[in-house]
Amino acid sequence: MFLGKYREFHNMIKSEQFKKAADLLVSLVESNLGPPRFQITLLLDSLPLINDSDDGTGCGSGVVINSNQTHALLKALEDMQNQKAFEKKVTHRKLKLFDWLLLQTWQHRF
């Protein structure tokens, strides 16, 4: 389902249906249908639609993503950053525990 919608997004971009594409992209981000590692790709895909100048991407001038949608994208970015920080803490704690267990095992051997 996700890949079909993502392909539909790219087809809308190719056919210059930027507002529909933006709506679909934001709904994909908000729905979390795709794999978590793919969220950054969706956020990167939103950049040309947020930019209000013609930078050669074909989006033309004018903002396509409204303020509510921009807020949703920023929230997704914040959630992703919080998840990464949490994973980093958990990984760090697991490594410390592993080091401690390794040290305990080593001390009991000698």
PDB file of N, CA and C in Angstrom:
ATOM      1  N   MET A   1       0.817  -1.192   0.000  1.00  0.00           N
ATOM      2  CA  MET A   1       0.000   0.000   0.000  1.00  0.00           C
ATOM      3  C   MET A   1       0.865   1.263   0.000  1.00  0.00           C
ATOM      4  N   PHE A   2       1.866   1.269   0.898  1.00  0.00           N
ATOM      5  CA  PHE A   2       2.725   2.442   1.004  1.00  0.00           C
ATOM      6  C   PHE A   2       3.458   2.722  -0.302  1.00  0.00           C
ATOM      7  N   LEU A   3       4.073   1.695  -0.862  1.00  0.00           N
ATOM      8  CA  LEU A   3       4.850   1.901  -2.092  1.00  0.00           C
ATOM      9  C   LEU A   3       3.969   2.388  -3.248  1.00  0.00           C
ATOM     10  N   GLY A   4       2.742   1.894  -3.303  1.00  0.00           N
ATOM     11  CA  GLY A   4       1.815   2.350  -4.335  1.00  0.00           C
ATOM     12  C   GLY A   4       1.497   3.833  -4.178  1.00  0.00           C
ATOM     13  N   LYS A   5       1.266   4.255  -2.952  1.00  0.00           N
ATOM     14  CA  LYS A   5       0.988   5.678  -2.685  1.00  0.00           C
ATOM     15  C   LYS A   5       2.222   6.530  -2.956  1.00  0.00           C
ATOM     16  N   TYR A   6       3.391   6.005  -2.615  1.00  0.00           N
ATOM     17  CA  TYR A   6       4.625   6.755  -2.860  1.00  0.00           C
ATOM     18  C   TYR A   6       4.866   6.916  -4.368  1.00  0.00           C
ATOM     19  N   ARG A   7       4.588   5.871  -5.107  1.00  0.00           N
ATOM     20  CA  ARG A   7       4.714   5.963  -6.571  1.00  0.00           C
ATOM     21  C   ARG A   7       3.702   6.966  -7.126  1.00  0.00           C
ATOM     22  N   GLU A   8       2.496   6.945  -6.585  1.00  0.00           N
ATOM     23  CA  GLU A   8       1.458   7.905  -6.995  1.00  0.00           C
ATOM     24  C   GLU A   8       1.930   9.339  -6.734  1.00  0.00           C
ATOM     25  N   PHE A   9       2.600   9.555  -5.612  1.00  0.00           N
ATOM     26  CA  PHE A   9       3.176  10.870  -5.307  1.00  0.00           C
ATOM     27  C   PHE A   9       4.134  11.309  -6.407  1.00  0.00           C
ATOM     28  N   HIS A  10       5.047  10.424  -6.792  1.00  0.00           N
ATOM     29  CA  HIS A  10       6.018  10.778  -7.832  1.00  0.00           C
ATOM     30  C   HIS A  10       5.346  11.014  -9.192  1.00  0.00           C
ATOM     31  N   ASN A  11       4.319  10.255  -9.483  1.00  0.00           N
ATOM     32  CA  ASN A  11       3.574  10.481 -10.728  1.00  0.00           C
ATOM     33  C   ASN A  11       2.892  11.853 -10.718  1.00  0.00           C
ATOM     34  N   MET A  12       2.373  12.252  -9.573  1.00  0.00           N
ATOM     35  CA  MET A  12       1.746  13.579  -9.457  1.00  0.00           C
ATOM     36  C   MET A  12       2.777  14.687  -9.663  1.00  0.00           C
ATOM     37  N   ILE A  13       3.969  14.492  -9.135  1.00  0.00           N
ATOM     38  CA  ILE A  13       5.041  15.473  -9.329  1.00  0.00           C
ATOM     39  C   ILE A  13       5.379  15.573 -10.811  1.00  0.00           C
ATOM     40  N   LYS A  14       5.508  14.428 -11.478  1.00  0.00           N
ATOM     41  CA  LYS A  14       5.832  14.419 -12.909  1.00  0.00           C
ATOM     42  C   LYS A  14       4.762  15.110 -13.741  1.00  0.00           C
ATOM     43  N   SER A  15       3.506  14.966 -13.321  1.00  0.00           N
ATOM     44  CA  SER A  15       2.417  15.594 -14.074  1.00  0.00           C
ATOM     45  C   SER A  15       2.073  16.994 -13.534  1.00  0.00           C
ATOM     46  N   GLU A  16       2.967  17.514 -12.674  1.00  0.00           N
ATOM     47  CA  GLU A  16       2.871  18.878 -12.140  1.00  0.00           C
ATOM     48  C   GLU A  16       1.589  19.129 -11.334  1.00  0.00           C
ATOM     49  N   GLN A  17       1.114  18.121 -10.648  1.00  0.00           N
ATOM     50  CA  GLN A  17      -0.019  18.252  -9.731  1.00  0.00           C
ATOM     51  C   GLN A  17       0.553  18.418  -8.321  1.00  0.00           C
ATOM     52  N   PHE A  18       1.214  19.557  -8.110  1.00  0.00           N
ATOM     53  CA  PHE A  18       2.006  19.750  -6.906  1.00  0.00           C
ATOM     54  C   PHE A  18       1.175  19.810  -5.623  1.00  0.00           C
ATOM     55  N   LYS A  19       0.021  20.427  -5.658  1.00  0.00           N
ATOM     56  CA  LYS A  19      -0.817  20.525  -4.459  1.00  0.00           C
ATOM     57  C   LYS A  19      -1.316  19.128  -4.045  1.00  0.00           C
ATOM     58  N   LYS A  20      -1.778  18.346  -5.014  1.00  0.00           N
ATOM     59  CA  LYS A  20      -2.224  16.979  -4.712  1.00  0.00           C
ATOM     60  C   LYS A  20      -1.064  16.131  -4.206  1.00  0.00           C
ATOM     61  N   ALA A  21       0.095  16.310  -4.828  1.00  0.00           N
ATOM     62  CA  ALA A  21       1.282  15.564  -4.411  1.00  0.00           C
ATOM     63  C   ALA A  21       1.662  15.925  -2.974  1.00  0.00           C
ATOM     64  N   ALA A  22       1.597  17.213  -2.656  1.00  0.00           N
ATOM     65  CA  ALA A  22       1.923  17.660  -1.297  1.00  0.00           C
ATOM     66  C   ALA A  22       0.944  17.072  -0.289  1.00  0.00           C
ATOM     67  N   ASP A  23      -0.332  17.091  -0.625  1.00  0.00           N
ATOM     68  CA  ASP A  23      -1.342  16.526   0.273  1.00  0.00           C
ATOM     69  C   ASP A  23      -1.083  15.043   0.525  1.00  0.00           C
ATOM     70  N   LEU A  24      -0.770  14.310  -0.543  1.00  0.00           N
ATOM     71  CA  LEU A  24      -0.497  12.880  -0.414  1.00  0.00           C
ATOM     72  C   LEU A  24       0.764  12.640   0.411  1.00  0.00           C
ATOM     73  N   LEU A  25       1.804  13.417   0.153  1.00  0.00           N
ATOM     74  CA  LEU A  25       3.061  13.247   0.876  1.00  0.00           C
ATOM     75  C   LEU A  25       2.876  13.487   2.376  1.00  0.00           C
ATOM     76  N   VAL A  26       2.180  14.547   2.724  1.00  0.00           N
ATOM     77  CA  VAL A  26       1.947  14.839   4.142  1.00  0.00           C
ATOM     78  C   VAL A  26       1.110  13.727   4.778  1.00  0.00           C
ATOM     79  N   SER A  27       0.132  13.217   4.057  1.00  0.00           N
ATOM     80  CA  SER A  27      -0.675  12.128   4.618  1.00  0.00           C
ATOM     81  C   SER A  27       0.174  10.867   4.815  1.00  0.00           C
ATOM     82  N   LEU A  28       1.125  10.618   3.922  1.00  0.00           N
ATOM     83  CA  LEU A  28       2.028   9.474   4.091  1.00  0.00           C
ATOM     84  C   LEU A  28       2.908   9.649   5.325  1.00  0.00           C
ATOM     85  N   VAL A  29       3.391  10.860   5.528  1.00  0.00           N
ATOM     86  CA  VAL A  29       4.229  11.135   6.693  1.00  0.00           C
ATOM     87  C   VAL A  29       3.417  10.952   7.977  1.00  0.00           C
ATOM     88  N   GLU A  30       2.231  11.520   8.000  1.00  0.00           N
ATOM     89  CA  GLU A  30       1.398  11.461   9.203  1.00  0.00           C
ATOM     90  C   GLU A  30       0.903  10.042   9.516  1.00  0.00           C
ATOM     91  N   SER A  31       0.676   9.244   8.486  1.00  0.00           N
ATOM     92  CA  SER A  31       0.107   7.909   8.683  1.00  0.00           C
ATOM     93  C   SER A  31       1.113   6.887   9.191  1.00  0.00           C
ATOM     94  N   ASN A  32       2.409   7.158   8.995  1.00  0.00           N
ATOM     95  CA  ASN A  32       3.457   6.199   9.368  1.00  0.00           C
ATOM     96  C   ASN A  32       3.260   4.849   8.690  1.00  0.00           C
ATOM     97  N   LEU A  33       2.728   4.850   7.474  1.00  0.00           N
ATOM     98  CA  LEU A  33       2.536   3.597   6.742  1.00  0.00           C
ATOM     99  C   LEU A  33       3.859   2.970   6.324  1.00  0.00           C
ATOM    100  N   GLY A  34       4.815   3.805   5.990  1.00  0.00           N
ATOM    101  CA  GLY A  34       6.090   3.300   5.502  1.00  0.00           C
ATOM    102  C   GLY A  34       7.006   2.874   6.624  1.00  0.00           C
ATOM    103  N   PRO A  35       8.096   2.223   6.264  1.00  0.00           N
ATOM    104  CA  PRO A  35       9.065   1.824   7.282  1.00  0.00           C
ATOM    105  C   PRO A  35       9.684   3.063   7.943  1.00  0.00           C
ATOM    106  N   PRO A  36       9.995   2.988   9.230  1.00  0.00           N
ATOM    107  CA  PRO A  36      10.541   4.153   9.932  1.00  0.00           C
ATOM    108  C   PRO A  36      11.779   4.745   9.268  1.00  0.00           C
ATOM    109  N   ARG A  37      12.630   3.912   8.710  1.00  0.00           N
ATOM    110  CA  ARG A  37      13.847   4.430   8.077  1.00  0.00           C
ATOM    111  C   ARG A  37      13.539   5.236   6.809  1.00  0.00           C
ATOM    112  N   PHE A  38      12.315   5.134   6.311  1.00  0.00           N
ATOM    113  CA  PHE A  38      11.928   5.830   5.087  1.00  0.00           C
ATOM    114  C   PHE A  38      11.377   7.237   5.361  1.00  0.00           C
ATOM    115  N   GLN A  39      11.122   7.544   6.633  1.00  0.00           N
ATOM    116  CA  GLN A  39      10.558   8.848   6.989  1.00  0.00           C
ATOM    117  C   GLN A  39      11.436   9.990   6.499  1.00  0.00           C
ATOM    118  N   ILE A  40      12.758   9.847   6.617  1.00  0.00           N
ATOM    119  CA  ILE A  40      13.654  10.921   6.197  1.00  0.00           C
ATOM    120  C   ILE A  40      13.534  11.164   4.697  1.00  0.00           C
ATOM    121  N   THR A  41      13.333  10.114   3.928  1.00  0.00           N
ATOM    122  CA  THR A  41      13.157  10.262   2.483  1.00  0.00           C
ATOM    123  C   THR A  41      11.900  11.069   2.180  1.00  0.00           C
ATOM    124  N   LEU A  42      10.828  10.775   2.896  1.00  0.00           N
ATOM    125  CA  LEU A  42       9.589  11.529   2.694  1.00  0.00           C
ATOM    126  C   LEU A  42       9.786  13.001   3.053  1.00  0.00           C
ATOM    127  N   LEU A  43      10.491  13.245   4.144  1.00  0.00           N
ATOM    128  CA  LEU A  43      10.736  14.633   4.542  1.00  0.00           C
ATOM    129  C   LEU A  43      11.607  15.355   3.522  1.00  0.00           C
ATOM    130  N   LEU A  44      12.588  14.668   2.989  1.00  0.00           N
ATOM    131  CA  LEU A  44      13.429  15.273   1.947  1.00  0.00           C
ATOM    132  C   LEU A  44      12.627  15.548   0.676  1.00  0.00           C
ATOM    133  N   ASP A  45      11.697  14.659   0.361  1.00  0.00           N
ATOM    134  CA  ASP A  45      10.835  14.868  -0.812  1.00  0.00           C
ATOM    135  C   ASP A  45       9.949  16.102  -0.659  1.00  0.00           C
ATOM    136  N   SER A  46       9.707  16.499   0.584  1.00  0.00           N
ATOM    137  CA  SER A  46       8.837  17.663   0.816  1.00  0.00           C
ATOM    138  C   SER A  46       9.552  18.994   0.585  1.00  0.00           C
ATOM    139  N   LEU A  47      10.869  18.997   0.613  1.00  0.00           N
ATOM    140  CA  LEU A  47      11.606  20.261   0.530  1.00  0.00           C
ATOM    141  C   LEU A  47      11.302  21.086  -0.719  1.00  0.00           C
ATOM    142  N   PRO A  48      11.305  20.503  -1.917  1.00  0.00           N
ATOM    143  CA  PRO A  48      10.995  21.328  -3.096  1.00  0.00           C
ATOM    144  C   PRO A  48       9.567  21.888  -3.054  1.00  0.00           C
ATOM    145  N   LEU A  49       8.677  21.210  -2.353  1.00  0.00           N
ATOM    146  CA  LEU A  49       7.291  21.679  -2.268  1.00  0.00           C
ATOM    147  C   LEU A  49       7.136  22.798  -1.240  1.00  0.00           C
ATOM    148  N   ILE A  50       8.041  22.833  -0.265  1.00  0.00           N
ATOM    149  CA  ILE A  50       8.003  23.894   0.740  1.00  0.00           C
ATOM    150  C   ILE A  50       8.632  25.168   0.198  1.00  0.00           C
ATOM    151  N   ASN A  51       9.668  25.004  -0.588  1.00  0.00           N
ATOM    152  CA  ASN A  51      10.398  26.151  -1.137  1.00  0.00           C
ATOM    153  C   ASN A  51       9.481  26.975  -2.029  1.00  0.00           C
ATOM    154  N   ASP A  52       9.476  28.287  -1.829  1.00  0.00           N
ATOM    155  CA  ASP A  52       8.545  29.129  -2.593  1.00  0.00           C
ATOM    156  C   ASP A  52       9.171  29.789  -3.816  1.00  0.00           C
ATOM    157  N   SER A  53      10.366  29.370  -4.184  1.00  0.00           N
ATOM    158  CA  SER A  53      10.982  29.949  -5.374  1.00  0.00           C
ATOM    159  C   SER A  53      11.208  28.861  -6.409  1.00  0.00           C
ATOM    160  N   ASP A  54      11.333  29.269  -7.659  1.00  0.00           N
ATOM    161  CA  ASP A  54      11.587  28.303  -8.723  1.00  0.00           C
ATOM    162  C   ASP A  54      13.076  28.009  -8.727  1.00  0.00           C
ATOM    163  N   ASP A  55      13.450  26.857  -8.229  1.00  0.00           N
ATOM    164  CA  ASP A  55      14.864  26.505  -8.117  1.00  0.00           C
ATOM    165  C   ASP A  55      15.274  25.433  -9.123  1.00  0.00           C
ATOM    166  N   GLY A  56      14.491  25.303 -10.171  1.00  0.00           N
ATOM    167  CA  GLY A  56      14.828  24.326 -11.195  1.00  0.00           C
ATOM    168  C   GLY A  56      14.192  22.970 -10.974  1.00  0.00           C
ATOM    169  N   THR A  57      13.434  22.807  -9.921  1.00  0.00           N
ATOM    170  CA  THR A  57      12.802  21.517  -9.657  1.00  0.00           C
ATOM    171  C   THR A  57      11.517  21.362 -10.437  1.00  0.00           C
ATOM    172  N   GLY A  58      11.026  22.440 -11.007  1.00  0.00           N
ATOM    173  CA  GLY A  58       9.785  22.359 -11.753  1.00  0.00           C
ATOM    174  C   GLY A  58       8.562  22.662 -10.931  1.00  0.00           C
ATOM    175  N   CYS A  59       8.755  22.955  -9.652  1.00  0.00           N
ATOM    176  CA  CYS A  59       7.600  23.238  -8.798  1.00  0.00           C
ATOM    177  C   CYS A  59       7.068  24.650  -9.018  1.00  0.00           C
ATOM    178  N   GLY A  60       7.825  25.463  -9.710  1.00  0.00           N
ATOM    179  CA  GLY A  60       7.370  26.827  -9.954  1.00  0.00           C
ATOM    180  C   GLY A  60       7.404  27.661  -8.702  1.00  0.00           C
ATOM    181  N   SER A  61       6.813  28.815  -8.762  1.00  0.00           N
ATOM    182  CA  SER A  61       6.803  29.664  -7.578  1.00  0.00           C
ATOM    183  C   SER A  61       5.481  29.512  -6.859  1.00  0.00           C
ATOM    184  N   GLY A  62       5.512  29.745  -5.588  1.00  0.00           N
ATOM    185  CA  GLY A  62       4.323  29.625  -4.767  1.00  0.00           C
ATOM    186  C   GLY A  62       4.420  28.460  -3.816  1.00  0.00           C
ATOM    187  N   VAL A  63       3.999  28.676  -2.603  1.00  0.00           N
ATOM    188  CA  VAL A  63       4.053  27.630  -1.595  1.00  0.00           C
ATOM    189  C   VAL A  63       2.932  26.636  -1.831  1.00  0.00           C
ATOM    190  N   VAL A  64       3.268  25.381  -1.831  1.00  0.00           N
ATOM    191  CA  VAL A  64       2.304  24.310  -2.091  1.00  0.00           C
ATOM    192  C   VAL A  64       1.846  23.681  -0.777  1.00  0.00           C
ATOM    193  N   ILE A  65       2.726  23.651   0.206  1.00  0.00           N
ATOM    194  CA  ILE A  65       2.417  23.061   1.502  1.00  0.00           C
ATOM    195  C   ILE A  65       2.012  24.177   2.457  1.00  0.00           C
ATOM    196  N   ASN A  66       0.826  24.062   3.039  1.00  0.00           N
ATOM    197  CA  ASN A  66       0.335  25.117   3.929  1.00  0.00           C
ATOM    198  C   ASN A  66       0.968  25.016   5.313  1.00  0.00           C
ATOM    199  N   SER A  67       0.620  25.934   6.194  1.00  0.00           N
ATOM    200  CA  SER A  67       1.250  25.987   7.514  1.00  0.00           C
ATOM    201  C   SER A  67       0.907  24.765   8.367  1.00  0.00           C
ATOM    202  N   ASN A  68      -0.309  24.271   8.291  1.00  0.00           N
ATOM    203  CA  ASN A  68      -0.663  23.069   9.057  1.00  0.00           C
ATOM    204  C   ASN A  68       0.139  21.858   8.586  1.00  0.00           C
ATOM    205  N   GLN A  69       0.312  21.749   7.280  1.00  0.00           N
ATOM    206  CA  GLN A  69       1.088  20.644   6.741  1.00  0.00           C
ATOM    207  C   GLN A  69       2.564  20.784   7.125  1.00  0.00           C
ATOM    208  N   THR A  70       3.058  22.018   7.095  1.00  0.00           N
ATOM    209  CA  THR A  70       4.447  22.267   7.502  1.00  0.00           C
ATOM    210  C   THR A  70       4.635  21.870   8.963  1.00  0.00           C
ATOM    211  N   HIS A  71       3.657  22.208   9.792  1.00  0.00           N
ATOM    212  CA  HIS A  71       3.715  21.821  11.206  1.00  0.00           C
ATOM    213  C   HIS A  71       3.755  20.296  11.344  1.00  0.00           C
ATOM    214  N   ALA A  72       2.959  19.597  10.560  1.00  0.00           N
ATOM    215  CA  ALA A  72       2.945  18.134  10.607  1.00  0.00           C
ATOM    216  C   ALA A  72       4.311  17.563  10.205  1.00  0.00           C
ATOM    217  N   LEU A  73       4.936  18.163   9.195  1.00  0.00           N
ATOM    218  CA  LEU A  73       6.262  17.703   8.765  1.00  0.00           C
ATOM    219  C   LEU A  73       7.300  17.973   9.845  1.00  0.00           C
ATOM    220  N   LEU A  74       7.224  19.134  10.473  1.00  0.00           N
ATOM    221  CA  LEU A  74       8.165  19.455  11.549  1.00  0.00           C
ATOM    222  C   LEU A  74       7.977  18.524  12.745  1.00  0.00           C
ATOM    223  N   LYS A  75       6.737  18.189  13.043  1.00  0.00           N
ATOM    224  CA  LYS A  75       6.463  17.248  14.142  1.00  0.00           C
ATOM    225  C   LYS A  75       7.055  15.878  13.820  1.00  0.00           C
ATOM    226  N   ALA A  76       6.919  15.449  12.576  1.00  0.00           N
ATOM    227  CA  ALA A  76       7.496  14.161  12.170  1.00  0.00           C
ATOM    228  C   ALA A  76       9.019  14.182  12.317  1.00  0.00           C
ATOM    229  N   LEU A  77       9.628  15.301  11.945  1.00  0.00           N
ATOM    230  CA  LEU A  77      11.078  15.436  12.089  1.00  0.00           C
ATOM    231  C   LEU A  77      11.471  15.388  13.564  1.00  0.00           C
ATOM    232  N   GLU A  78      10.732  16.100  14.401  1.00  0.00           N
ATOM    233  CA  GLU A  78      11.005  16.099  15.838  1.00  0.00           C
ATOM    234  C   GLU A  78      10.838  14.692  16.425  1.00  0.00           C
ATOM    235  N   ASP A  79       9.784  13.996  16.041  1.00  0.00           N
ATOM    236  CA  ASP A  79       9.564  12.626  16.513  1.00  0.00           C
ATOM    237  C   ASP A  79      10.723  11.716  16.116  1.00  0.00           C
ATOM    238  N   MET A  80      11.190  11.897  14.883  1.00  0.00           N
ATOM    239  CA  MET A  80      12.293  11.088  14.389  1.00  0.00           C
ATOM    240  C   MET A  80      13.568  11.384  15.197  1.00  0.00           C
ATOM    241  N   GLN A  81      13.819  12.658  15.483  1.00  0.00           N
ATOM    242  CA  GLN A  81      14.992  13.024  16.263  1.00  0.00           C
ATOM    243  C   GLN A  81      14.902  12.470  17.685  1.00  0.00           C
ATOM    244  N   ASN A  82      13.719  12.534  18.282  1.00  0.00           N
ATOM    245  CA  ASN A  82      13.538  11.987  19.628  1.00  0.00           C
ATOM    246  C   ASN A  82      13.756  10.480  19.644  1.00  0.00           C
ATOM    247  N   GLN A  83      13.268   9.801  18.615  1.00  0.00           N
ATOM    248  CA  GLN A  83      13.451   8.348  18.521  1.00  0.00           C
ATOM    249  C   GLN A  83      14.930   8.009  18.392  1.00  0.00           C
ATOM    250  N   LYS A  84      15.652   8.777  17.583  1.00  0.00           N
ATOM    251  CA  LYS A  84      17.092   8.530  17.417  1.00  0.00           C
ATOM    252  C   LYS A  84      17.822   8.741  18.737  1.00  0.00           C
ATOM    253  N   ALA A  85      17.463   9.806  19.471  1.00  0.00           N
ATOM    254  CA  ALA A  85      18.104  10.069  20.759  1.00  0.00           C
ATOM    255  C   ALA A  85      17.817   8.935  21.733  1.00  0.00           C
ATOM    256  N   PHE A  86      16.579   8.445  21.742  1.00  0.00           N
ATOM    257  CA  PHE A  86      16.207   7.331  22.620  1.00  0.00           C
ATOM    258  C   PHE A  86      16.999   6.074  22.255  1.00  0.00           C
ATOM    259  N   GLU A  87      17.067   5.778  20.952  1.00  0.00           N
ATOM    260  CA  GLU A  87      17.801   4.587  20.507  1.00  0.00           C
ATOM    261  C   GLU A  87      19.276   4.698  20.881  1.00  0.00           C
ATOM    262  N   LYS A  88      19.812   5.904  20.776  1.00  0.00           N
ATOM    263  CA  LYS A  88      21.222   6.116  21.119  1.00  0.00           C
ATOM    264  C   LYS A  88      21.447   5.867  22.610  1.00  0.00           C
ATOM    265  N   LYS A  89      20.533   6.347  23.475  1.00  0.00           N
ATOM    266  CA  LYS A  89      20.642   6.121  24.917  1.00  0.00           C
ATOM    267  C   LYS A  89      20.565   4.633  25.233  1.00  0.00           C
ATOM    268  N   VAL A  90      19.594   3.956  24.612  1.00  0.00           N
ATOM    269  CA  VAL A  90      19.420   2.526  24.866  1.00  0.00           C
ATOM    270  C   VAL A  90      20.661   1.773  24.418  1.00  0.00           C
ATOM    271  N   THR A  91      21.181   2.102  23.255  1.00  0.00           N
ATOM    272  CA  THR A  91      22.376   1.437  22.743  1.00  0.00           C
ATOM    273  C   THR A  91      23.552   1.681  23.671  1.00  0.00           C
ATOM    274  N   HIS A  92      23.700   2.912  24.142  1.00  0.00           N
ATOM    275  CA  HIS A  92      24.793   3.245  25.052  1.00  0.00           C
ATOM    276  C   HIS A  92      24.676   2.425  26.340  1.00  0.00           C
ATOM    277  N   ARG A  93      23.458   2.327  26.885  1.00  0.00           N
ATOM    278  CA  ARG A  93      23.246   1.547  28.116  1.00  0.00           C
ATOM    279  C   ARG A  93      23.525   0.061  27.888  1.00  0.00           C
ATOM    280  N   LYS A  94      23.112  -0.447  26.740  1.00  0.00           N
ATOM    281  CA  LYS A  94      23.377  -1.853  26.429  1.00  0.00           C
ATOM    282  C   LYS A  94      24.877  -2.107  26.342  1.00  0.00           C
ATOM    283  N   LEU A  95      25.615  -1.171  25.739  1.00  0.00           N
ATOM    284  CA  LEU A  95      27.067  -1.323  25.635  1.00  0.00           C
ATOM    285  C   LEU A  95      27.721  -1.284  27.010  1.00  0.00           C
ATOM    286  N   LYS A  96      27.245  -0.389  27.869  1.00  0.00           N
ATOM    287  CA  LYS A  96      27.797  -0.320  29.227  1.00  0.00           C
ATOM    288  C   LYS A  96      27.521  -1.630  29.975  1.00  0.00           C
ATOM    289  N   LEU A  97      26.309  -2.144  29.836  1.00  0.00           N
ATOM    290  CA  LEU A  97      25.960  -3.410  30.487  1.00  0.00           C
ATOM    291  C   LEU A  97      26.822  -4.533  29.943  1.00  0.00           C
ATOM    292  N   PHE A  98      27.005  -4.556  28.635  1.00  0.00           N
ATOM    293  CA  PHE A  98      27.839  -5.582  28.019  1.00  0.00           C
ATOM    294  C   PHE A  98      29.269  -5.477  28.542  1.00  0.00           C
ATOM    295  N   ASP A  99      29.808  -4.259  28.630  1.00  0.00           N
ATOM    296  CA  ASP A  99      31.160  -4.062  29.161  1.00  0.00           C
ATOM    297  C   ASP A  99      31.268  -4.573  30.599  1.00  0.00           C
ATOM    298  N   TRP A 100      30.254  -4.264  31.393  1.00  0.00           N
ATOM    299  CA  TRP A 100      30.253  -4.694  32.787  1.00  0.00           C
ATOM    300  C   TRP A 100      30.211  -6.224  32.876  1.00  0.00           C
ATOM    301  N   LEU A 101      29.335  -6.836  32.088  1.00  0.00           N
ATOM    302  CA  LEU A 101      29.245  -8.299  32.093  1.00  0.00           C
ATOM    303  C   LEU A 101      30.550  -8.935  31.624  1.00  0.00           C
ATOM    304  N   LEU A 102      31.143  -8.357  30.619  1.00  0.00           N
ATOM    305  CA  LEU A 102      32.415  -8.868  30.112  1.00  0.00           C
ATOM    306  C   LEU A 102      33.488  -8.759  31.181  1.00  0.00           C
ATOM    307  N   LEU A 103      33.527  -7.630  31.870  1.00  0.00           N
ATOM    308  CA  LEU A 103      34.499  -7.438  32.937  1.00  0.00           C
ATOM    309  C   LEU A 103      34.263  -8.436  34.065  1.00  0.00           C
ATOM    310  N   GLN A 104      32.992  -8.638  34.446  1.00  0.00           N
ATOM    311  CA  GLN A 104      32.668  -9.606  35.505  1.00  0.00           C
ATOM    312  C   GLN A 104      33.101 -11.016  35.106  1.00  0.00           C
ATOM    313  N   THR A 105      32.832 -11.378  33.877  1.00  0.00           N
ATOM    314  CA  THR A 105      33.215 -12.697  33.384  1.00  0.00           C
ATOM    315  C   THR A 105      34.722 -12.850  33.395  1.00  0.00           C
ATOM    316  N   TRP A 106      35.436 -11.828  32.961  1.00  0.00           N
ATOM    317  CA  TRP A 106      36.882 -11.860  32.909  1.00  0.00           C
ATOM    318  C   TRP A 106      37.473 -11.968  34.319  1.00  0.00           C
ATOM    319  N   GLN A 107      36.900 -11.217  35.277  1.00  0.00           N
ATOM    320  CA  GLN A 107      37.412 -11.248  36.647  1.00  0.00           C
ATOM    321  C   GLN A 107      37.178 -12.613  37.297  1.00  0.00           C
ATOM    322  N   HIS A 108      36.083 -13.259  36.992  1.00  0.00           N
ATOM    323  CA  HIS A 108      35.819 -14.569  37.580  1.00  0.00           C
ATOM    324  C   HIS A 108      36.702 -15.670  37.006  1.00  0.00           C
ATOM    325  N   ARG A 109      37.207 -15.446  35.837  1.00  0.00           N
ATOM    326  CA  ARG A 109      38.075 -16.453  35.227  1.00  0.00           C
ATOM    327  C   ARG A 109      39.466 -16.442  35.846  1.00  0.00           C
ATOM    328  N   PHE A 110      39.895 -15.278  36.271  1.00  0.00           N
ATOM    329  CA  PHE A 110      41.278 -15.170  36.767  1.00  0.00           C
ATOM    330  C   PHE A 110      41.307 -14.914  38.214  1.00  0.00           C
TER     331      PHE A 110
END
